[in-house]
Amino acid sequence: MDIKQEDLIKFWTWCFGKDGIEVHNTTMSNTLYIYRRTSWNKEDNEWNIVPIISTIDLTTLYEYAIHKLQDKGYSVVLTAYECKGFEAMISDIIHDEIIVAREESDNPTEALYKAIMAVIDKEMK
C-alpha cells in the first residue's frame, strides 16, 4: 500500500493532535521522519520525542486510529468476504444506520486505512 507523505502527516496529526507530533523531512534523501512528542524536558527546555513508524499496518490502525474513532463515537467494522475481499465500514455509534465511511479492497489494511482517512478528511474540513 503506497501512502503519500502528506497523508501520513495528516493521519498522525489526527491521532496525536497538531502539537503532538514533529515532522522532519530530509531534502537529500527525501525521507520523512515523524516523531511523537511525549513529555516536556525541563532541563533541556525541549520536547522528549519518540519516532513513529512511517508505515501503516493493521496493528498501527488498531492501536492508534480505531481507539480514537471509538472515543469519538464511531463504530468500526472490518468484514472479510470469501469472494469479494474486505470491507471497512465506519458508522455513528448512536445512530448505527448513519454510515460515515465505507471502503472495499483486496487488502484489509487498505480498506480500513481508506475508511479512516475518509473520516479524517470529513473532520478536518
PDB file of N, CA and C in Angstrom:
ATOM      1  N   MET A   1       0.845  -1.172   0.000  1.00  0.00           N
ATOM      2  CA  MET A   1       0.000   0.000   0.000  1.00  0.00           C
ATOM      3  C   MET A   1       0.894   1.240   0.000  1.00  0.00           C
ATOM      4  N   ASP A   2       0.697   2.081  -0.974  1.00  0.00           N
ATOM      5  CA  ASP A   2       1.509   3.286  -1.133  1.00  0.00           C
ATOM      6  C   ASP A   2       0.759   4.480  -0.546  1.00  0.00           C
ATOM      7  N   ILE A   3       1.365   5.148   0.426  1.00  0.00           N
ATOM      8  CA  ILE A   3       0.731   6.289   1.098  1.00  0.00           C
ATOM      9  C   ILE A   3       1.592   7.527   0.884  1.00  0.00           C
ATOM     10  N   LYS A   4       0.951   8.614   0.465  1.00  0.00           N
ATOM     11  CA  LYS A   4       1.662   9.877   0.266  1.00  0.00           C
ATOM     12  C   LYS A   4       2.128  10.433   1.608  1.00  0.00           C
ATOM     13  N   GLN A   5       3.239  11.162   1.573  1.00  0.00           N
ATOM     14  CA  GLN A   5       3.782  11.763   2.791  1.00  0.00           C
ATOM     15  C   GLN A   5       2.775  12.701   3.457  1.00  0.00           C
ATOM     16  N   GLU A   6       2.048  13.481   2.645  1.00  0.00           N
ATOM     17  CA  GLU A   6       1.067  14.408   3.210  1.00  0.00           C
ATOM     18  C   GLU A   6      -0.020  13.657   3.973  1.00  0.00           C
ATOM     19  N   ASP A   7      -0.404  12.479   3.442  1.00  0.00           N
ATOM     20  CA  ASP A   7      -1.438  11.691   4.107  1.00  0.00           C
ATOM     21  C   ASP A   7      -0.920  11.075   5.405  1.00  0.00           C
ATOM     22  N   LEU A   8       0.349  10.680   5.428  1.00  0.00           N
ATOM     23  CA  LEU A   8       0.940  10.176   6.669  1.00  0.00           C
ATOM     24  C   LEU A   8       0.941  11.263   7.744  1.00  0.00           C
ATOM     25  N   ILE A   9       1.325  12.463   7.351  1.00  0.00           N
ATOM     26  CA  ILE A   9       1.336  13.581   8.293  1.00  0.00           C
ATOM     27  C   ILE A   9      -0.081  13.864   8.789  1.00  0.00           C
ATOM     28  N   LYS A  10      -1.052  13.859   7.875  1.00  0.00           N
ATOM     29  CA  LYS A  10      -2.447  14.101   8.248  1.00  0.00           C
ATOM     30  C   LYS A  10      -2.944  13.022   9.218  1.00  0.00           C
ATOM     31  N   PHE A  11      -2.623  11.757   8.941  1.00  0.00           N
ATOM     32  CA  PHE A  11      -3.040  10.644   9.785  1.00  0.00           C
ATOM     33  C   PHE A  11      -2.496  10.798  11.204  1.00  0.00           C
ATOM     34  N   TRP A  12      -1.171  11.002  11.317  1.00  0.00           N
ATOM     35  CA  TRP A  12      -0.557  11.096  12.648  1.00  0.00           C
ATOM     36  C   TRP A  12      -0.953  12.375  13.369  1.00  0.00           C
ATOM     37  N   THR A  13      -1.172  13.460  12.643  1.00  0.00           N
ATOM     38  CA  THR A  13      -1.646  14.698  13.260  1.00  0.00           C
ATOM     39  C   THR A  13      -3.028  14.484  13.862  1.00  0.00           C
ATOM     40  N   TRP A  14      -3.882  13.765  13.135  1.00  0.00           N
ATOM     41  CA  TRP A  14      -5.218  13.469  13.646  1.00  0.00           C
ATOM     42  C   TRP A  14      -5.136  12.574  14.885  1.00  0.00           C
ATOM     43  N   CYS A  15      -4.255  11.594  14.875  1.00  0.00           N
ATOM     44  CA  CYS A  15      -4.122  10.668  16.002  1.00  0.00           C
ATOM     45  C   CYS A  15      -3.614  11.368  17.266  1.00  0.00           C
ATOM     46  N   PHE A  16      -2.608  12.246  17.126  1.00  0.00           N
ATOM     47  CA  PHE A  16      -1.952  12.831  18.291  1.00  0.00           C
ATOM     48  C   PHE A  16      -2.198  14.328  18.460  1.00  0.00           C
ATOM     49  N   GLY A  17      -2.866  14.960  17.519  1.00  0.00           N
ATOM     50  CA  GLY A  17      -3.070  16.403  17.588  1.00  0.00           C
ATOM     51  C   GLY A  17      -1.909  17.142  16.938  1.00  0.00           C
ATOM     52  N   LYS A  18      -2.168  18.361  16.464  1.00  0.00           N
ATOM     53  CA  LYS A  18      -1.142  19.091  15.724  1.00  0.00           C
ATOM     54  C   LYS A  18       0.072  19.434  16.573  1.00  0.00           C
ATOM     55  N   ASP A  19      -0.117  19.562  17.889  1.00  0.00           N
ATOM     56  CA  ASP A  19       1.011  19.839  18.769  1.00  0.00           C
ATOM     57  C   ASP A  19       1.643  18.562  19.318  1.00  0.00           C
ATOM     58  N   GLY A  20       1.118  17.409  18.923  1.00  0.00           N
ATOM     59  CA  GLY A  20       1.609  16.148  19.444  1.00  0.00           C
ATOM     60  C   GLY A  20       2.657  15.463  18.596  1.00  0.00           C
ATOM     61  N   ILE A  21       2.964  16.051  17.421  1.00  0.00           N
ATOM     62  CA  ILE A  21       3.975  15.443  16.560  1.00  0.00           C
ATOM     63  C   ILE A  21       4.967  16.482  16.064  1.00  0.00           C
ATOM     64  N   GLU A  22       6.115  16.006  15.632  1.00  0.00           N
ATOM     65  CA  GLU A  22       7.104  16.827  14.931  1.00  0.00           C
ATOM     66  C   GLU A  22       7.419  16.114  13.627  1.00  0.00           C
ATOM     67  N   VAL A  23       7.552  16.881  12.562  1.00  0.00           N
ATOM     68  CA  VAL A  23       7.850  16.320  11.255  1.00  0.00           C
ATOM     69  C   VAL A  23       9.188  16.866  10.776  1.00  0.00           C
ATOM     70  N   HIS A  24      10.056  15.963  10.368  1.00  0.00           N
ATOM     71  CA  HIS A  24      11.345  16.348   9.812  1.00  0.00           C
ATOM     72  C   HIS A  24      11.476  15.671   8.452  1.00  0.00           C
ATOM     73  N   ASN A  25      11.822  16.444   7.442  1.00  0.00           N
ATOM     74  CA  ASN A  25      11.962  15.907   6.096  1.00  0.00           C
ATOM     75  C   ASN A  25      13.368  16.217   5.603  1.00  0.00           C
ATOM     76  N   THR A  26      14.148  15.180   5.318  1.00  0.00           N
ATOM     77  CA  THR A  26      15.496  15.412   4.800  1.00  0.00           C
ATOM     78  C   THR A  26      15.407  15.688   3.309  1.00  0.00           C
ATOM     79  N   THR A  27      16.051  16.735   2.870  1.00  0.00           N
ATOM     80  CA  THR A  27      15.981  17.109   1.457  1.00  0.00           C
ATOM     81  C   THR A  27      16.865  16.232   0.582  1.00  0.00           C
ATOM     82  N   MET A  28      17.956  15.729   1.134  1.00  0.00           N
ATOM     83  CA  MET A  28      18.861  14.926   0.307  1.00  0.00           C
ATOM     84  C   MET A  28      18.236  13.587  -0.086  1.00  0.00           C
ATOM     85  N   SER A  29      17.640  12.897   0.871  1.00  0.00           N
ATOM     86  CA  SER A  29      17.069  11.585   0.556  1.00  0.00           C
ATOM     87  C   SER A  29      15.550  11.629   0.457  1.00  0.00           C
ATOM     88  N   ASN A  30      14.960  12.818   0.659  1.00  0.00           N
ATOM     89  CA  ASN A  30      13.510  12.999   0.646  1.00  0.00           C
ATOM     90  C   ASN A  30      12.827  11.985   1.575  1.00  0.00           C
ATOM     91  N   THR A  31      13.425  11.778   2.739  1.00  0.00           N
ATOM     92  CA  THR A  31      12.897  10.859   3.719  1.00  0.00           C
ATOM     93  C   THR A  31      12.121  11.633   4.772  1.00  0.00           C
ATOM     94  N   LEU A  32      10.971  11.117   5.116  1.00  0.00           N
ATOM     95  CA  LEU A  32      10.107  11.748   6.102  1.00  0.00           C
ATOM     96  C   LEU A  32      10.298  11.064   7.451  1.00  0.00           C
ATOM     97  N   TYR A  33      10.533  11.866   8.478  1.00  0.00           N
ATOM     98  CA  TYR A  33      10.637  11.355   9.836  1.00  0.00           C
ATOM     99  C   TYR A  33       9.561  12.035  10.670  1.00  0.00           C
ATOM    100  N   ILE A  34       8.739  11.229  11.327  1.00  0.00           N
ATOM    101  CA  ILE A  34       7.676  11.762  12.165  1.00  0.00           C
ATOM    102  C   ILE A  34       7.937  11.296  13.591  1.00  0.00           C
ATOM    103  N   TYR A  35       7.853  12.233  14.521  1.00  0.00           N
ATOM    104  CA  TYR A  35       8.108  11.940  15.922  1.00  0.00           C
ATOM    105  C   TYR A  35       6.897  12.322  16.758  1.00  0.00           C
ATOM    106  N   ARG A  36       6.630  11.541  17.798  1.00  0.00           N
ATOM    107  CA  ARG A  36       5.563  11.866  18.739  1.00  0.00           C
ATOM    108  C   ARG A  36       6.186  12.554  19.940  1.00  0.00           C
ATOM    109  N   ARG A  37       5.610  13.696  20.299  1.00  0.00           N
ATOM    110  CA  ARG A  37       6.055  14.396  21.500  1.00  0.00           C
ATOM    111  C   ARG A  37       5.451  13.682  22.706  1.00  0.00           C
ATOM    112  N   THR A  38       6.301  13.302  23.661  1.00  0.00           N
ATOM    113  CA  THR A  38       5.808  12.543  24.802  1.00  0.00           C
ATOM    114  C   THR A  38       5.711  13.378  26.071  1.00  0.00           C
ATOM    115  N   SER A  39       6.723  14.171  26.344  1.00  0.00           N
ATOM    116  CA  SER A  39       6.704  15.000  27.551  1.00  0.00           C
ATOM    117  C   SER A  39       7.699  16.146  27.388  1.00  0.00           C
ATOM    118  N   TRP A  40       7.549  17.158  28.214  1.00  0.00           N
ATOM    119  CA  TRP A  40       8.433  18.316  28.177  1.00  0.00           C
ATOM    120  C   TRP A  40       9.634  18.051  29.078  1.00  0.00           C
ATOM    121  N   ASN A  41      10.830  18.241  28.538  1.00  0.00           N
ATOM    122  CA  ASN A  41      12.065  18.062  29.289  1.00  0.00           C
ATOM    123  C   ASN A  41      12.490  19.423  29.818  1.00  0.00           C
ATOM    124  N   LYS A  42      12.313  19.658  31.104  1.00  0.00           N
ATOM    125  CA  LYS A  42      12.615  20.968  31.701  1.00  0.00           C
ATOM    126  C   LYS A  42      14.104  21.291  31.657  1.00  0.00           C
ATOM    127  N   GLU A  43      14.952  20.269  31.821  1.00  0.00           N
ATOM    128  CA  GLU A  43      16.400  20.507  31.823  1.00  0.00           C
ATOM    129  C   GLU A  43      16.900  21.011  30.476  1.00  0.00           C
ATOM    130  N   ASP A  44      16.448  20.379  29.404  1.00  0.00           N
ATOM    131  CA  ASP A  44      16.892  20.758  28.060  1.00  0.00           C
ATOM    132  C   ASP A  44      15.986  21.793  27.413  1.00  0.00           C
ATOM    133  N   ASN A  45      14.848  22.091  28.070  1.00  0.00           N
ATOM    134  CA  ASN A  45      13.889  23.046  27.541  1.00  0.00           C
ATOM    135  C   ASN A  45      13.411  22.659  26.132  1.00  0.00           C
ATOM    136  N   GLU A  46      13.070  21.390  25.972  1.00  0.00           N
ATOM    137  CA  GLU A  46      12.563  20.896  24.690  1.00  0.00           C
ATOM    138  C   GLU A  46      11.717  19.648  24.937  1.00  0.00           C
ATOM    139  N   TRP A  47      11.015  19.226  23.884  1.00  0.00           N
ATOM    140  CA  TRP A  47      10.161  18.046  23.973  1.00  0.00           C
ATOM    141  C   TRP A  47      10.992  16.771  23.928  1.00  0.00           C
ATOM    142  N   ASN A  48      10.592  15.778  24.731  1.00  0.00           N
ATOM    143  CA  ASN A  48      11.097  14.422  24.545  1.00  0.00           C
ATOM    144  C   ASN A  48      10.276  13.832  23.402  1.00  0.00           C
ATOM    145  N   ILE A  49      10.945  13.226  22.436  1.00  0.00           N
ATOM    146  CA  ILE A  49      10.233  12.690  21.281  1.00  0.00           C
ATOM    147  C   ILE A  49      10.629  11.234  21.046  1.00  0.00           C
ATOM    148  N   VAL A  50       9.691  10.488  20.468  1.00  0.00           N
ATOM    149  CA  VAL A  50       9.957   9.104  20.057  1.00  0.00           C
ATOM    150  C   VAL A  50       9.556   8.974  18.596  1.00  0.00           C
ATOM    151  N   PRO A  51      10.324   8.218  17.812  1.00  0.00           N
ATOM    152  CA  PRO A  51       9.972   8.081  16.401  1.00  0.00           C
ATOM    153  C   PRO A  51       8.678   7.305  16.204  1.00  0.00           C
ATOM    154  N   ILE A  52       7.940   7.692  15.184  1.00  0.00           N
ATOM    155  CA  ILE A  52       6.722   6.986  14.782  1.00  0.00           C
ATOM    156  C   ILE A  52       7.048   6.204  13.515  1.00  0.00           C
ATOM    157  N   ILE A  53       6.574   4.990  13.456  1.00  0.00           N
ATOM    158  CA  ILE A  53       6.788   4.167  12.260  1.00  0.00           C
ATOM    159  C   ILE A  53       6.085   4.833  11.085  1.00  0.00           C
ATOM    160  N   SER A  54       6.775   4.959   9.970  1.00  0.00           N
ATOM    161  CA  SER A  54       6.198   5.674   8.831  1.00  0.00           C
ATOM    162  C   SER A  54       5.376   4.766   7.927  1.00  0.00           C
ATOM    163  N   THR A  55       5.219   3.509   8.310  1.00  0.00           N
ATOM    164  CA  THR A  55       4.346   2.622   7.549  1.00  0.00           C
ATOM    165  C   THR A  55       3.074   2.374   8.354  1.00  0.00           C
ATOM    166  N   ILE A  56       2.009   2.106   7.657  1.00  0.00           N
ATOM    167  CA  ILE A  56       0.729   1.851   8.301  1.00  0.00           C
ATOM    168  C   ILE A  56       0.371   0.387   8.090  1.00  0.00           C
ATOM    169  N   ASP A  57       0.118  -0.322   9.182  1.00  0.00           N
ATOM    170  CA  ASP A  57      -0.339  -1.702   9.097  1.00  0.00           C
ATOM    171  C   ASP A  57      -1.566  -1.859  10.002  1.00  0.00           C
ATOM    172  N   LEU A  58      -2.151  -3.054  10.019  1.00  0.00           N
ATOM    173  CA  LEU A  58      -3.357  -3.258  10.819  1.00  0.00           C
ATOM    174  C   LEU A  58      -3.117  -2.991  12.298  1.00  0.00           C
ATOM    175  N   THR A  59      -1.964  -3.398  12.799  1.00  0.00           N
ATOM    176  CA  THR A  59      -1.649  -3.176  14.208  1.00  0.00           C
ATOM    177  C   THR A  59      -1.634  -1.685  14.527  1.00  0.00           C
ATOM    178  N   THR A  60      -0.997  -0.894  13.680  1.00  0.00           N
ATOM    179  CA  THR A  60      -0.938   0.554  13.871  1.00  0.00           C
ATOM    180  C   THR A  60      -2.337   1.162  13.849  1.00  0.00           C
ATOM    181  N   LEU A  61      -3.154   0.741  12.886  1.00  0.00           N
ATOM    182  CA  LEU A  61      -4.511   1.273  12.783  1.00  0.00           C
ATOM    183  C   LEU A  61      -5.321   0.971  14.036  1.00  0.00           C
ATOM    184  N   TYR A  62      -5.223  -0.259  14.528  1.00  0.00           N
ATOM    185  CA  TYR A  62      -5.985  -0.625  15.724  1.00  0.00           C
ATOM    186  C   TYR A  62      -5.429   0.057  16.972  1.00  0.00           C
ATOM    187  N   GLU A  63      -4.126   0.161  17.058  1.00  0.00           N
ATOM    188  CA  GLU A  63      -3.516   0.740  18.255  1.00  0.00           C
ATOM    189  C   GLU A  63      -3.812   2.229  18.407  1.00  0.00           C
ATOM    190  N   TYR A  64      -3.832   2.957  17.309  1.00  0.00           N
ATOM    191  CA  TYR A  64      -3.976   4.412  17.389  1.00  0.00           C
ATOM    192  C   TYR A  64      -5.318   4.930  16.859  1.00  0.00           C
ATOM    193  N   ALA A  65      -5.657   4.601  15.627  1.00  0.00           N
ATOM    194  CA  ALA A  65      -6.819   5.219  14.995  1.00  0.00           C
ATOM    195  C   ALA A  65      -8.150   4.631  15.472  1.00  0.00           C
ATOM    196  N   ILE A  66      -8.250   3.316  15.592  1.00  0.00           N
ATOM    197  CA  ILE A  66      -9.526   2.707  15.967  1.00  0.00           C
ATOM    198  C   ILE A  66      -9.954   3.154  17.362  1.00  0.00           C
ATOM    199  N   HIS A  67      -9.025   3.187  18.289  1.00  0.00           N
ATOM    200  CA  HIS A  67      -9.361   3.633  19.644  1.00  0.00           C
ATOM    201  C   HIS A  67      -9.852   5.078  19.638  1.00  0.00           C
ATOM    202  N   LYS A  68      -9.212   5.914  18.849  1.00  0.00           N
ATOM    203  CA  LYS A  68      -9.636   7.317  18.795  1.00  0.00           C
ATOM    204  C   LYS A  68     -11.027   7.424  18.170  1.00  0.00           C
ATOM    205  N   LEU A  69     -11.272   6.643  17.118  1.00  0.00           N
ATOM    206  CA  LEU A  69     -12.599   6.661  16.487  1.00  0.00           C
ATOM    207  C   LEU A  69     -13.673   6.239  17.487  1.00  0.00           C
ATOM    208  N   GLN A  70     -13.401   5.189  18.247  1.00  0.00           N
ATOM    209  CA  GLN A  70     -14.377   4.725  19.238  1.00  0.00           C
ATOM    210  C   GLN A  70     -14.599   5.775  20.325  1.00  0.00           C
ATOM    211  N   ASP A  71     -13.527   6.436  20.752  1.00  0.00           N
ATOM    212  CA  ASP A  71     -13.660   7.509  21.738  1.00  0.00           C
ATOM    213  C   ASP A  71     -14.504   8.662  21.209  1.00  0.00           C
ATOM    214  N   LYS A  72     -14.476   8.862  19.887  1.00  0.00           N
ATOM    215  CA  LYS A  72     -15.233   9.949  19.262  1.00  0.00           C
ATOM    216  C   LYS A  72     -16.659   9.541  18.916  1.00  0.00           C
ATOM    217  N   GLY A  73     -17.037   8.291  19.219  1.00  0.00           N
ATOM    218  CA  GLY A  73     -18.415   7.859  18.991  1.00  0.00           C
ATOM    219  C   GLY A  73     -18.655   7.146  17.679  1.00  0.00           C
ATOM    220  N   TYR A  74     -17.629   6.525  17.138  1.00  0.00           N
ATOM    221  CA  TYR A  74     -17.782   5.768  15.898  1.00  0.00           C
ATOM    222  C   TYR A  74     -17.678   4.272  16.169  1.00  0.00           C
ATOM    223  N   SER A  75     -18.362   3.523  15.349  1.00  0.00           N
ATOM    224  CA  SER A  75     -18.249   2.067  15.349  1.00  0.00           C
ATOM    225  C   SER A  75     -17.463   1.672  14.106  1.00  0.00           C
ATOM    226  N   VAL A  76     -16.507   0.755  14.253  1.00  0.00           N
ATOM    227  CA  VAL A  76     -15.664   0.347  13.138  1.00  0.00           C
ATOM    228  C   VAL A  76     -15.817  -1.152  12.926  1.00  0.00           C
ATOM    229  N   VAL A  77     -16.127  -1.538  11.685  1.00  0.00           N
ATOM    230  CA  VAL A  77     -16.297  -2.946  11.352  1.00  0.00           C
ATOM    231  C   VAL A  77     -15.463  -3.261  10.122  1.00  0.00           C
ATOM    232  N   LEU A  78     -14.650  -4.301  10.224  1.00  0.00           N
ATOM    233  CA  LEU A  78     -13.881  -4.804   9.084  1.00  0.00           C
ATOM    234  C   LEU A  78     -14.402  -6.202   8.784  1.00  0.00           C
ATOM    235  N   THR A  79     -14.939  -6.389   7.582  1.00  0.00           N
ATOM    236  CA  THR A  79     -15.544  -7.652   7.195  1.00  0.00           C
ATOM    237  C   THR A  79     -14.749  -8.287   6.064  1.00  0.00           C
ATOM    238  N   ALA A  80     -14.525  -9.591   6.183  1.00  0.00           N
ATOM    239  CA  ALA A  80     -13.866 -10.352   5.114  1.00  0.00           C
ATOM    240  C   ALA A  80     -14.928 -11.145   4.373  1.00  0.00           C
ATOM    241  N   TYR A  81     -14.947 -10.994   3.052  1.00  0.00           N
ATOM    242  CA  TYR A  81     -15.874 -11.742   2.217  1.00  0.00           C
ATOM    243  C   TYR A  81     -15.101 -12.790   1.442  1.00  0.00           C
ATOM    244  N   GLU A  82     -15.686 -13.951   1.283  1.00  0.00           N
ATOM    245  CA  GLU A  82     -14.993 -15.057   0.627  1.00  0.00           C
ATOM    246  C   GLU A  82     -14.611 -14.730  -0.810  1.00  0.00           C
ATOM    247  N   CYS A  83     -15.496 -14.110  -1.541  1.00  0.00           N
ATOM    248  CA  CYS A  83     -15.229 -13.837  -2.966  1.00  0.00           C
ATOM    249  C   CYS A  83     -14.928 -12.373  -3.259  1.00  0.00           C
ATOM    250  N   LYS A  84     -15.188 -11.491  -2.329  1.00  0.00           N
ATOM    251  CA  LYS A  84     -15.170 -10.068  -2.620  1.00  0.00           C
ATOM    252  C   LYS A  84     -13.981  -9.326  -2.037  1.00  0.00           C
ATOM    253  N   GLY A  85     -13.280  -9.883  -1.077  1.00  0.00           N
ATOM    254  CA  GLY A  85     -12.198  -9.157  -0.424  1.00  0.00           C
ATOM    255  C   GLY A  85     -12.643  -8.654   0.926  1.00  0.00           C
ATOM    256  N   PHE A  86     -12.321  -7.390   1.236  1.00  0.00           N
ATOM    257  CA  PHE A  86     -12.598  -6.826   2.554  1.00  0.00           C
ATOM    258  C   PHE A  86     -13.392  -5.533   2.428  1.00  0.00           C
ATOM    259  N   GLU A  87     -14.212  -5.285   3.439  1.00  0.00           N
ATOM    260  CA  GLU A  87     -14.979  -4.050   3.502  1.00  0.00           C
ATOM    261  C   GLU A  87     -14.795  -3.450   4.899  1.00  0.00           C
ATOM    262  N   ALA A  88     -14.421  -2.194   4.934  1.00  0.00           N
ATOM    263  CA  ALA A  88     -14.328  -1.453   6.187  1.00  0.00           C
ATOM    264  C   ALA A  88     -15.472  -0.458   6.222  1.00  0.00           C
ATOM    265  N   MET A  89     -16.190  -0.452   7.350  1.00  0.00           N
ATOM    266  CA  MET A  89     -17.315   0.451   7.481  1.00  0.00           C
ATOM    267  C   MET A  89     -17.226   1.161   8.825  1.00  0.00           C
ATOM    268  N   ILE A  90     -17.369   2.464   8.786  1.00  0.00           N
ATOM    269  CA  ILE A  90     -17.354   3.283   9.992  1.00  0.00           C
ATOM    270  C   ILE A  90     -18.706   3.985  10.077  1.00  0.00           C
ATOM    271  N   SER A  91     -19.356   3.810  11.225  1.00  0.00           N
ATOM    272  CA  SER A  91     -20.677   4.410  11.385  1.00  0.00           C
ATOM    273  C   SER A  91     -20.763   5.123  12.732  1.00  0.00           C
ATOM    274  N   ASP A  92     -21.793   5.936  12.847  1.00  0.00           N
ATOM    275  CA  ASP A  92     -22.069   6.641  14.093  1.00  0.00           C
ATOM    276  C   ASP A  92     -22.550   5.618  15.119  1.00  0.00           C
ATOM    277  N   ILE A  93     -21.962   5.623  16.301  1.00  0.00           N
ATOM    278  CA  ILE A  93     -22.266   4.595  17.304  1.00  0.00           C
ATOM    279  C   ILE A  93     -23.692   4.729  17.849  1.00  0.00           C
ATOM    280  N   ILE A  94     -24.197   5.957  17.913  1.00  0.00           N
ATOM    281  CA  ILE A  94     -25.550   6.174  18.437  1.00  0.00           C
ATOM    282  C   ILE A  94     -26.593   5.904  17.363  1.00  0.00           C
ATOM    283  N   HIS A  95     -26.322   6.382  16.160  1.00  0.00           N
ATOM    284  CA  HIS A  95     -27.232   6.167  15.029  1.00  0.00           C
ATOM    285  C   HIS A  95     -26.566   5.185  14.073  1.00  0.00           C
ATOM    286  N   ASP A  96     -26.702   3.908  14.385  1.00  0.00           N
ATOM    287  CA  ASP A  96     -25.999   2.854  13.650  1.00  0.00           C
ATOM    288  C   ASP A  96     -26.263   2.879  12.148  1.00  0.00           C
ATOM    289  N   GLU A  97     -27.418   3.407  11.766  1.00  0.00           N
ATOM    290  CA  GLU A  97     -27.763   3.426  10.344  1.00  0.00           C
ATOM    291  C   GLU A  97     -27.014   4.518   9.575  1.00  0.00           C
ATOM    292  N   ILE A  98     -26.357   5.433  10.269  1.00  0.00           N
ATOM    293  CA  ILE A  98     -25.614   6.503   9.599  1.00  0.00           C
ATOM    294  C   ILE A  98     -24.192   6.022   9.333  1.00  0.00           C
ATOM    295  N   ILE A  99     -23.934   5.689   8.081  1.00  0.00           N
ATOM    296  CA  ILE A  99     -22.604   5.220   7.686  1.00  0.00           C
ATOM    297  C   ILE A  99     -21.775   6.434   7.296  1.00  0.00           C
ATOM    298  N   VAL A 100     -20.671   6.615   7.981  1.00  0.00           N
ATOM    299  CA  VAL A 100     -19.804   7.770   7.758  1.00  0.00           C
ATOM    300  C   VAL A 100     -18.823   7.478   6.637  1.00  0.00           C
ATOM    301  N   ALA A 101     -18.307   6.246   6.589  1.00  0.00           N
ATOM    302  CA  ALA A 101     -17.344   5.869   5.546  1.00  0.00           C
ATOM    303  C   ALA A 101     -17.452   4.371   5.277  1.00  0.00           C
ATOM    304  N   ARG A 102     -17.288   4.014   4.008  1.00  0.00           N
ATOM    305  CA  ARG A 102     -17.280   2.597   3.608  1.00  0.00           C
ATOM    306  C   ARG A 102     -16.271   2.445   2.471  1.00  0.00           C
ATOM    307  N   GLU A 103     -15.349   1.521   2.636  1.00  0.00           N
ATOM    308  CA  GLU A 103     -14.322   1.276   1.626  1.00  0.00           C
ATOM    309  C   GLU A 103     -14.135  -0.227   1.428  1.00  0.00           C
ATOM    310  N   GLU A 104     -13.831  -0.623   0.191  1.00  0.00           N
ATOM    311  CA  GLU A 104     -13.579  -2.022  -0.128  1.00  0.00           C
ATOM    312  C   GLU A 104     -12.201  -2.157  -0.761  1.00  0.00           C
ATOM    313  N   SER A 105     -11.575  -3.299  -0.524  1.00  0.00           N
ATOM    314  CA  SER A 105     -10.261  -3.570  -1.108  1.00  0.00           C
ATOM    315  C   SER A 105      -9.955  -5.056  -0.941  1.00  0.00           C
ATOM    316  N   ASP A 106      -8.992  -5.531  -1.722  1.00  0.00           N
ATOM    317  CA  ASP A 106      -8.494  -6.894  -1.542  1.00  0.00           C
ATOM    318  C   ASP A 106      -7.551  -6.966  -0.343  1.00  0.00           C
ATOM    319  N   ASN A 107      -7.109  -5.804   0.140  1.00  0.00           N
ATOM    320  CA  ASN A 107      -6.173  -5.701   1.250  1.00  0.00           C
ATOM    321  C   ASN A 107      -6.916  -5.128   2.465  1.00  0.00           C
ATOM    322  N   PRO A 108      -6.981  -5.859   3.589  1.00  0.00           N
ATOM    323  CA  PRO A 108      -7.730  -5.350   4.746  1.00  0.00           C
ATOM    324  C   PRO A 108      -7.172  -4.041   5.301  1.00  0.00           C
ATOM    325  N   THR A 109      -5.855  -3.899   5.293  1.00  0.00           N
ATOM    326  CA  THR A 109      -5.238  -2.669   5.790  1.00  0.00           C
ATOM    327  C   THR A 109      -5.652  -1.483   4.930  1.00  0.00           C
ATOM    328  N   GLU A 110      -5.644  -1.678   3.625  1.00  0.00           N
ATOM    329  CA  GLU A 110      -6.009  -0.596   2.710  1.00  0.00           C
ATOM    330  C   GLU A 110      -7.473  -0.195   2.877  1.00  0.00           C
ATOM    331  N   ALA A 111      -8.361  -1.170   2.995  1.00  0.00           N
ATOM    332  CA  ALA A 111      -9.785  -0.861   3.173  1.00  0.00           C
ATOM    333  C   ALA A 111     -10.005  -0.056   4.448  1.00  0.00           C
ATOM    334  N   LEU A 112      -9.392  -0.500   5.535  1.00  0.00           N
ATOM    335  CA  LEU A 112      -9.554   0.184   6.818  1.00  0.00           C
ATOM    336  C   LEU A 112      -8.900   1.564   6.796  1.00  0.00           C
ATOM    337  N   TYR A 113      -7.705   1.652   6.231  1.00  0.00           N
ATOM    338  CA  TYR A 113      -6.997   2.932   6.159  1.00  0.00           C
ATOM    339  C   TYR A 113      -7.801   3.958   5.347  1.00  0.00           C
ATOM    340  N   LYS A 114      -8.321   3.546   4.207  1.00  0.00           N
ATOM    341  CA  LYS A 114      -9.086   4.479   3.362  1.00  0.00           C
ATOM    342  C   LYS A 114     -10.355   4.951   4.068  1.00  0.00           C
ATOM    343  N   ALA A 115     -11.021   4.053   4.788  1.00  0.00           N
ATOM    344  CA  ALA A 115     -12.224   4.450   5.526  1.00  0.00           C
ATOM    345  C   ALA A 115     -11.867   5.444   6.639  1.00  0.00           C
ATOM    346  N   ILE A 116     -10.776   5.167   7.338  1.00  0.00           N
ATOM    347  CA  ILE A 116     -10.326   6.076   8.398  1.00  0.00           C
ATOM    348  C   ILE A 116      -9.961   7.436   7.822  1.00  0.00           C
ATOM    349  N   MET A 117      -9.258   7.442   6.701  1.00  0.00           N
ATOM    350  CA  MET A 117      -8.877   8.713   6.082  1.00  0.00           C
ATOM    351  C   MET A 117     -10.091   9.491   5.601  1.00  0.00           C
ATOM    352  N   ALA A 118     -11.155   8.788   5.175  1.00  0.00           N
ATOM    353  CA  ALA A 118     -12.384   9.470   4.774  1.00  0.00           C
ATOM    354  C   ALA A 118     -12.995  10.191   5.978  1.00  0.00           C
ATOM    355  N   VAL A 119     -12.959   9.558   7.151  1.00  0.00           N
ATOM    356  CA  VAL A 119     -13.459  10.206   8.370  1.00  0.00           C
ATOM    357  C   VAL A 119     -12.577  11.385   8.743  1.00  0.00           C
ATOM    358  N   ILE A 120     -11.268  11.197   8.671  1.00  0.00           N
ATOM    359  CA  ILE A 120     -10.326  12.274   8.992  1.00  0.00           C
ATOM    360  C   ILE A 120     -10.561  13.464   8.075  1.00  0.00           C
ATOM    361  N   ASP A 121     -10.714  13.211   6.782  1.00  0.00           N
ATOM    362  CA  ASP A 121     -10.959  14.294   5.826  1.00  0.00           C
ATOM    363  C   ASP A 121     -12.230  15.051   6.164  1.00  0.00           C
ATOM    364  N   LYS A 122     -13.290  14.329   6.551  1.00  0.00           N
ATOM    365  CA  LYS A 122     -14.558  14.990   6.915  1.00  0.00           C
ATOM    366  C   LYS A 122     -14.398  15.832   8.178  1.00  0.00           C
ATOM    367  N   GLU A 123     -13.644  15.318   9.132  1.00  0.00           N
ATOM    368  CA  GLU A 123     -13.460  16.050  10.395  1.00  0.00           C
ATOM    369  C   GLU A 123     -12.549  17.261  10.234  1.00  0.00           C
ATOM    370  N   MET A 124     -11.613  17.208   9.306  1.00  0.00           N
ATOM    371  CA  MET A 124     -10.649  18.299   9.154  1.00  0.00           C
ATOM    372  C   MET A 124     -11.157  19.405   8.241  1.00  0.00           C
ATOM    373  N   LYS A 125     -12.352  19.266   7.691  1.00  0.00           N
ATOM    374  CA  LYS A 125     -12.901  20.304   6.824  1.00  0.00           C
ATOM    375  C   LYS A 125     -13.376  21.482   7.632  1.00  0.00           C
TER     376      LYS A 125
END
